């Protein structure tokens, strides 16, 4: 399934997505994560031993909630349902890594923060290189619809 132009614009404006999974007992778990888009699919970087990763291995049906635009909450929520697959670290290709870097590290405010903290780059690089439990969640979307959040 591909998103409409309006839905795609909403997804591109969001900084995070809420990944909703179900435990074996049917208890929902909502986890905010960074995400990227590649073709008609979405991908999320995570740890293989995270609760939501274990839930996906048991039940691959997920719901994604996009409810912010550039970090600010909106009244509209885009709810996307789909099927998730847990893939090894190697599926996070250079192209996907580059897209994530552009999205989350290169906007002007964040780029300035990264430049100010250049001494931490080596530590962050080692941290990510040494994590054997990194995985990629790849989501094939089935349906999408806009919902309105209730006013508190």
C-alpha atoms as a PDB file:
ATOM      1  CA  UNK A   1       0.000   0.000   0.000  1.00  0.00           C
ATOM      2  CA  UNK A   2       1.282   3.471  -0.731  1.00  0.00           C
ATOM      3  CA  UNK A   3       0.342   6.568   1.179  1.00  0.00           C
ATOM      4  CA  UNK A   4      -1.583   9.456  -0.377  1.00  0.00           C
ATOM      5  CA  UNK A   5       0.171  12.793  -0.823  1.00  0.00           C
ATOM      6  CA  UNK A   6      -1.484  14.233   2.300  1.00  0.00           C
ATOM      7  CA  UNK A   7      -0.562  11.186   4.394  1.00  0.00           C
ATOM      8  CA  UNK A   8       2.983  11.178   3.038  1.00  0.00           C
ATOM      9  CA  UNK A   9       3.431  14.861   3.881  1.00  0.00           C
ATOM     10  CA  UNK A  10       2.171  14.193   7.414  1.00  0.00           C
ATOM     11  CA  UNK A  11       4.610  11.274   7.852  1.00  0.00           C
ATOM     12  CA  UNK A  12       7.535  13.316   6.519  1.00  0.00           C
ATOM     13  CA  UNK A  13       6.731  16.108   8.999  1.00  0.00           C
ATOM     14  CA  UNK A  14       6.690  13.792  12.016  1.00  0.00           C
ATOM     15  CA  UNK A  15       9.838  13.340  14.114  1.00  0.00           C
ATOM     16  CA  UNK A  16       8.788  10.167  15.860  1.00  0.00           C
ATOM     17  CA  UNK A  17       6.307   7.369  15.426  1.00  0.00           C
ATOM     18  CA  UNK A  18       4.550   5.473  18.182  1.00  0.00           C
ATOM     19  CA  UNK A  19       4.886   1.756  17.515  1.00  0.00           C
ATOM     20  CA  UNK A  20       2.010  -0.206  19.062  1.00  0.00           C
ATOM     21  CA  UNK A  21       2.482  -3.929  19.651  1.00  0.00           C
ATOM     22  CA  UNK A  22       0.643  -6.561  21.688  1.00  0.00           C
ATOM     23  CA  UNK A  23       2.153  -8.817  24.335  1.00  0.00           C
ATOM     24  CA  UNK A  24       1.256 -12.535  24.364  1.00  0.00           C
ATOM     25  CA  UNK A  25      -1.421 -11.702  26.957  1.00  0.00           C
ATOM     26  CA  UNK A  26      -2.900  -8.974  24.723  1.00  0.00           C
ATOM     27  CA  UNK A  27      -1.500  -6.023  26.673  1.00  0.00           C
ATOM     28  CA  UNK A  28      -0.627  -3.127  24.336  1.00  0.00           C
ATOM     29  CA  UNK A  29       2.835  -1.599  24.398  1.00  0.00           C
ATOM     30  CA  UNK A  30       3.366   1.834  22.826  1.00  0.00           C
ATOM     31  CA  UNK A  31       6.983   2.771  22.081  1.00  0.00           C
ATOM     32  CA  UNK A  32       8.096   6.083  20.533  1.00  0.00           C
ATOM     33  CA  UNK A  33      10.862   5.523  17.982  1.00  0.00           C
ATOM     34  CA  UNK A  34      12.749   7.315  15.233  1.00  0.00           C
ATOM     35  CA  UNK A  35      11.830   6.064  11.793  1.00  0.00           C
ATOM     36  CA  UNK A  36      12.783   6.233   8.158  1.00  0.00           C
ATOM     37  CA  UNK A  37      10.946   5.628   4.918  1.00  0.00           C
ATOM     38  CA  UNK A  38      12.245   3.530   2.046  1.00  0.00           C
ATOM     39  CA  UNK A  39       9.910   3.117  -0.909  1.00  0.00           C
ATOM     40  CA  UNK A  40       6.503   1.998   0.356  1.00  0.00           C
ATOM     41  CA  UNK A  41       7.872   0.653   3.640  1.00  0.00           C
ATOM     42  CA  UNK A  42       8.946   2.149   6.933  1.00  0.00           C
ATOM     43  CA  UNK A  43      11.917   1.064   8.995  1.00  0.00           C
ATOM     44  CA  UNK A  44      12.846   1.647  12.611  1.00  0.00           C
ATOM     45  CA  UNK A  45      16.131   1.019  14.367  1.00  0.00           C
ATOM     46  CA  UNK A  46      15.835  -0.807  17.677  1.00  0.00           C
ATOM     47  CA  UNK A  47      17.345  -3.487  19.909  1.00  0.00           C
ATOM     48  CA  UNK A  48      16.596  -7.144  19.326  1.00  0.00           C
ATOM     49  CA  UNK A  49      15.970  -7.714  23.059  1.00  0.00           C
ATOM     50  CA  UNK A  50      13.478  -4.826  23.458  1.00  0.00           C
ATOM     51  CA  UNK A  51       9.948  -5.747  24.517  1.00  0.00           C
ATOM     52  CA  UNK A  52       8.417  -4.525  21.267  1.00  0.00           C
ATOM     53  CA  UNK A  53      10.905  -6.640  19.272  1.00  0.00           C
ATOM     54  CA  UNK A  54       9.840  -9.750  21.172  1.00  0.00           C
ATOM     55  CA  UNK A  55       6.185  -8.864  20.626  1.00  0.00           C
ATOM     56  CA  UNK A  56       6.776  -8.506  16.873  1.00  0.00           C
ATOM     57  CA  UNK A  57       8.400 -11.949  16.739  1.00  0.00           C
ATOM     58  CA  UNK A  58       5.227 -13.447  18.269  1.00  0.00           C
ATOM     59  CA  UNK A  59       2.645 -11.254  16.514  1.00  0.00           C
ATOM     60  CA  UNK A  60       3.809  -9.181  13.515  1.00  0.00           C
ATOM     61  CA  UNK A  61       0.623  -7.060  13.295  1.00  0.00           C
ATOM     62  CA  UNK A  62       1.394  -3.497  14.413  1.00  0.00           C
ATOM     63  CA  UNK A  63      -0.170  -0.055  14.500  1.00  0.00           C
ATOM     64  CA  UNK A  64       1.846   3.108  13.924  1.00  0.00           C
ATOM     65  CA  UNK A  65       0.678   6.473  15.242  1.00  0.00           C
ATOM     66  CA  UNK A  66       2.046   9.695  13.771  1.00  0.00           C
ATOM     67  CA  UNK A  67       0.842  12.564  15.959  1.00  0.00           C
ATOM     68  CA  UNK A  68       3.396  15.341  15.733  1.00  0.00           C
ATOM     69  CA  UNK A  69       4.641  17.787  13.162  1.00  0.00           C
ATOM     70  CA  UNK A  70       8.229  18.897  13.661  1.00  0.00           C
ATOM     71  CA  UNK A  71       8.079  17.835  17.304  1.00  0.00           C
ATOM     72  CA  UNK A  72       4.786  19.576  18.156  1.00  0.00           C
ATOM     73  CA  UNK A  73       1.679  17.529  18.894  1.00  0.00           C
ATOM     74  CA  UNK A  74      -1.260  17.946  16.575  1.00  0.00           C
ATOM     75  CA  UNK A  75      -4.980  17.274  16.903  1.00  0.00           C
ATOM     76  CA  UNK A  76      -4.820  14.982  13.880  1.00  0.00           C
ATOM     77  CA  UNK A  77      -3.291  11.538  14.200  1.00  0.00           C
ATOM     78  CA  UNK A  78      -2.363   9.329  11.273  1.00  0.00           C
ATOM     79  CA  UNK A  79      -2.988   5.701  12.184  1.00  0.00           C
ATOM     80  CA  UNK A  80      -1.221   3.179   9.969  1.00  0.00           C
ATOM     81  CA  UNK A  81      -1.699  -0.567  10.320  1.00  0.00           C
ATOM     82  CA  UNK A  82       0.763  -3.030   8.932  1.00  0.00           C
ATOM     83  CA  UNK A  83       2.923  -6.087   9.273  1.00  0.00           C
ATOM     84  CA  UNK A  84       6.338  -5.838  10.897  1.00  0.00           C
ATOM     85  CA  UNK A  85       9.385  -8.003  10.409  1.00  0.00           C
ATOM     86  CA  UNK A  86      12.464  -8.004  12.595  1.00  0.00           C
ATOM     87  CA  UNK A  87      15.600  -8.013  10.455  1.00  0.00           C
ATOM     88  CA  UNK A  88      19.292  -8.160  11.388  1.00  0.00           C
ATOM     89  CA  UNK A  89      21.489  -5.106  11.814  1.00  0.00           C
ATOM     90  CA  UNK A  90      22.850  -5.536   8.269  1.00  0.00           C
ATOM     91  CA  UNK A  91      19.455  -4.643   6.761  1.00  0.00           C
ATOM     92  CA  UNK A  92      20.040  -1.068   7.941  1.00  0.00           C
ATOM     93  CA  UNK A  93      21.864  -0.274   4.693  1.00  0.00           C
ATOM     94  CA  UNK A  94      24.123   2.722   4.116  1.00  0.00           C
ATOM     95  CA  UNK A  95      21.306   4.366   2.171  1.00  0.00           C
ATOM     96  CA  UNK A  96      18.929   3.963   5.101  1.00  0.00           C
ATOM     97  CA  UNK A  97      21.593   5.149   7.562  1.00  0.00           C
ATOM     98  CA  UNK A  98      22.231   8.219   5.415  1.00  0.00           C
ATOM     99  CA  UNK A  99      18.523   9.040   5.279  1.00  0.00           C
ATOM    100  CA  UNK A 100      18.237   8.723   9.064  1.00  0.00           C
ATOM    101  CA  UNK A 101      21.301  10.941   9.541  1.00  0.00           C
ATOM    102  CA  UNK A 102      19.854  13.622   7.266  1.00  0.00           C
ATOM    103  CA  UNK A 103      16.528  13.435   9.058  1.00  0.00           C
ATOM    104  CA  UNK A 104      17.742  13.446  12.650  1.00  0.00           C
ATOM    105  CA  UNK A 105      21.259  14.876  12.741  1.00  0.00           C
ATOM    106  CA  UNK A 106      21.511  17.464   9.969  1.00  0.00           C
ATOM    107  CA  UNK A 107      18.632  19.924  10.506  1.00  0.00           C
ATOM    108  CA  UNK A 108      20.210  23.295  11.473  1.00  0.00           C
ATOM    109  CA  UNK A 109      19.450  23.204  15.215  1.00  0.00           C
ATOM    110  CA  UNK A 110      20.559  19.583  15.591  1.00  0.00           C
ATOM    111  CA  UNK A 111      23.614  20.026  13.364  1.00  0.00           C
ATOM    112  CA  UNK A 112      24.815  22.851  15.612  1.00  0.00           C
ATOM    113  CA  UNK A 113      24.360  20.641  18.670  1.00  0.00           C
ATOM    114  CA  UNK A 114      26.358  17.829  17.011  1.00  0.00           C
ATOM    115  CA  UNK A 115      29.163  20.210  16.081  1.00  0.00           C
ATOM    116  CA  UNK A 116      29.370  21.583  19.629  1.00  0.00           C
ATOM    117  CA  UNK A 117      29.666  18.033  20.964  1.00  0.00           C
ATOM    118  CA  UNK A 118      32.205  16.731  18.426  1.00  0.00           C
ATOM    119  CA  UNK A 119      34.284  15.126  21.202  1.00  0.00           C
ATOM    120  CA  UNK A 120      31.522  12.550  21.727  1.00  0.00           C
ATOM    121  CA  UNK A 121      31.489  11.331  18.116  1.00  0.00           C
ATOM    122  CA  UNK A 122      34.093   8.630  18.667  1.00  0.00           C
ATOM    123  CA  UNK A 123      32.263   7.340  21.737  1.00  0.00           C
ATOM    124  CA  UNK A 124      28.948   7.217  19.887  1.00  0.00           C
ATOM    125  CA  UNK A 125      30.581   5.435  16.964  1.00  0.00           C
ATOM    126  CA  UNK A 126      32.059   2.789  19.258  1.00  0.00           C
ATOM    127  CA  UNK A 127      28.741   2.395  21.070  1.00  0.00           C
ATOM    128  CA  UNK A 128      26.847   1.670  17.847  1.00  0.00           C
ATOM    129  CA  UNK A 129      29.604  -0.544  16.421  1.00  0.00           C
ATOM    130  CA  UNK A 130      29.809  -2.696  19.559  1.00  0.00           C
ATOM    131  CA  UNK A 131      26.058  -3.295  19.964  1.00  0.00           C
ATOM    132  CA  UNK A 132      25.452  -6.833  18.720  1.00  0.00           C
ATOM    133  CA  UNK A 133      21.750  -6.661  19.528  1.00  0.00           C
ATOM    134  CA  UNK A 134      20.775  -3.934  17.056  1.00  0.00           C
ATOM    135  CA  UNK A 135      17.950  -4.854  14.693  1.00  0.00           C
ATOM    136  CA  UNK A 136      15.751  -3.172  12.128  1.00  0.00           C
ATOM    137  CA  UNK A 137      11.978  -3.318  12.176  1.00  0.00           C
ATOM    138  CA  UNK A 138      10.673  -3.174   8.613  1.00  0.00           C
ATOM    139  CA  UNK A 139       6.983  -2.420   8.239  1.00  0.00           C
ATOM    140  CA  UNK A 140       4.805  -3.073   5.237  1.00  0.00           C
ATOM    141  CA  UNK A 141       1.775  -0.803   5.488  1.00  0.00           C
ATOM    142  CA  UNK A 142      -1.756  -2.157   4.957  1.00  0.00           C
ATOM    143  CA  UNK A 143      -4.008   0.824   5.648  1.00  0.00           C
ATOM    144  CA  UNK A 144      -3.883   4.427   6.836  1.00  0.00           C
ATOM    145  CA  UNK A 145      -6.480   6.846   8.177  1.00  0.00           C
ATOM    146  CA  UNK A 146      -6.584  10.206   9.933  1.00  0.00           C
ATOM    147  CA  UNK A 147      -8.180  10.425  13.358  1.00  0.00           C
ATOM    148  CA  UNK A 148      -8.904  13.371  15.661  1.00  0.00           C
ATOM    149  CA  UNK A 149      -7.471  13.390  19.181  1.00  0.00           C
ATOM    150  CA  UNK A 150      -9.956  14.290  21.890  1.00  0.00           C
ATOM    151  CA  UNK A 151      -9.456  17.710  23.463  1.00  0.00           C
ATOM    152  CA  UNK A 152      -8.190  17.321  27.055  1.00  0.00           C
END
